[in-house]
Amino acid sequence: MAALKHNSSSMSLNLMADKDDLLLNSREVAFLLDLSPDTVNELARRNVIPAFKKGRQWRFRKRDITVFKRQFKGLNVAA
């Protein structure tokens, strides 16, 4: 029984980790950052936003975008 509880607990942790590891496309990131998809792609190309290419398309990890968004807001407030 204890092993079952441990496994379900591990499964919950894995589901939370998977949620943070979601891959987003440029359009989804544009919505989150209130930018155009073209701007998101340009920022990815210039290595401003953490991203990687999957085929010909840019992909973004949700956790990376969340961190970037916090930093981006900090830059806007200081400007």
Protein backbone atom coordinates (compact mmCIF):
# COMPACT_ATOMS: atom_id res chain seq x y z
CA MET A 1 0.00 0.00 0.00
CA ALA A 2 2.82 2.40 0.86
CA ALA A 3 4.41 1.72 -2.52
CA LEU A 4 1.15 2.68 -4.22
CA LYS A 5 1.05 6.00 -2.36
CA HIS A 6 4.67 6.65 -3.28
CA ASN A 7 3.97 5.91 -6.93
CA SER A 8 0.93 8.19 -7.09
CA SER A 9 2.96 10.92 -5.40
CA SER A 10 5.76 10.46 -7.94
CA MET A 11 3.19 10.53 -10.70
CA SER A 12 1.84 13.86 -9.44
CA LEU A 13 5.33 15.33 -9.40
CA ASN A 14 5.92 14.07 -12.94
CA LEU A 15 2.67 15.63 -14.13
CA MET A 16 3.66 18.97 -12.61
CA ALA A 17 7.08 18.77 -14.25
CA ASP A 18 5.47 17.86 -17.56
CA LYS A 19 3.17 20.88 -17.32
CA ASP A 20 6.17 23.20 -16.96
CA ASP A 21 7.90 21.43 -19.84
CA LEU A 22 5.07 22.14 -22.27
CA LEU A 23 6.25 23.28 -25.65
CA LEU A 24 4.69 26.40 -27.09
CA ASN A 25 4.73 27.76 -30.61
CA SER A 26 5.37 31.37 -31.63
CA ARG A 27 1.70 32.26 -31.68
CA GLU A 28 1.15 31.00 -28.12
CA VAL A 29 4.23 32.86 -26.85
CA ALA A 30 3.11 36.00 -28.68
CA PHE A 31 -0.19 35.84 -26.81
CA LEU A 32 1.55 35.39 -23.44
CA LEU A 33 3.98 38.25 -24.05
CA ASP A 34 1.54 40.55 -25.88
CA LEU A 35 3.75 40.61 -28.98
CA SER A 36 3.25 39.60 -32.59
CA PRO A 37 4.33 36.10 -33.66
CA ASP A 38 6.81 37.71 -36.08
CA THR A 39 8.41 39.64 -33.21
CA VAL A 40 8.63 36.47 -31.13
CA ASN A 41 10.34 34.67 -34.02
CA GLU A 42 12.79 37.54 -34.47
CA LEU A 43 13.62 37.58 -30.74
CA ALA A 44 14.17 33.81 -30.88
CA ARG A 45 16.43 34.19 -33.92
CA ARG A 46 18.47 36.83 -32.07
CA ASN A 47 18.69 34.59 -28.96
CA VAL A 48 16.76 37.10 -26.83
CA ILE A 49 14.05 34.57 -25.96
CA PRO A 50 15.13 31.02 -25.07
CA ALA A 51 14.00 28.83 -27.95
CA PHE A 52 14.99 26.01 -30.24
CA LYS A 53 14.06 24.91 -33.71
CA LYS A 54 11.98 21.82 -34.35
CA GLY A 55 12.15 21.43 -38.08
CA ARG A 56 11.60 24.91 -39.47
CA GLN A 57 9.49 26.12 -36.55
CA TRP A 58 10.56 27.78 -33.31
CA ARG A 59 9.53 26.06 -30.09
CA PHE A 60 9.59 27.46 -26.57
CA ARG A 61 9.45 25.76 -23.18
CA LYS A 62 6.69 27.23 -21.07
CA ARG A 63 8.93 27.47 -17.99
CA ASP A 64 11.52 29.44 -19.97
CA ILE A 65 8.87 31.86 -21.22
CA THR A 66 7.51 32.31 -17.71
CA VAL A 67 10.98 33.28 -16.46
CA PHE A 68 11.56 35.51 -19.49
CA LYS A 69 8.21 37.24 -18.94
CA ARG A 70 9.16 38.09 -15.33
CA GLN A 71 12.49 39.52 -16.49
CA PHE A 72 10.82 41.33 -19.41
CA LYS A 73 8.36 43.03 -17.03
CA GLY A 74 11.27 44.08 -14.81
CA LEU A 75 13.00 45.68 -17.80
CA ASN A 76 9.84 47.56 -18.79
CA VAL A 77 9.30 48.94 -15.29
CA ALA A 78 12.90 50.17 -15.12
CA ALA A 79 12.70 51.90 -18.52
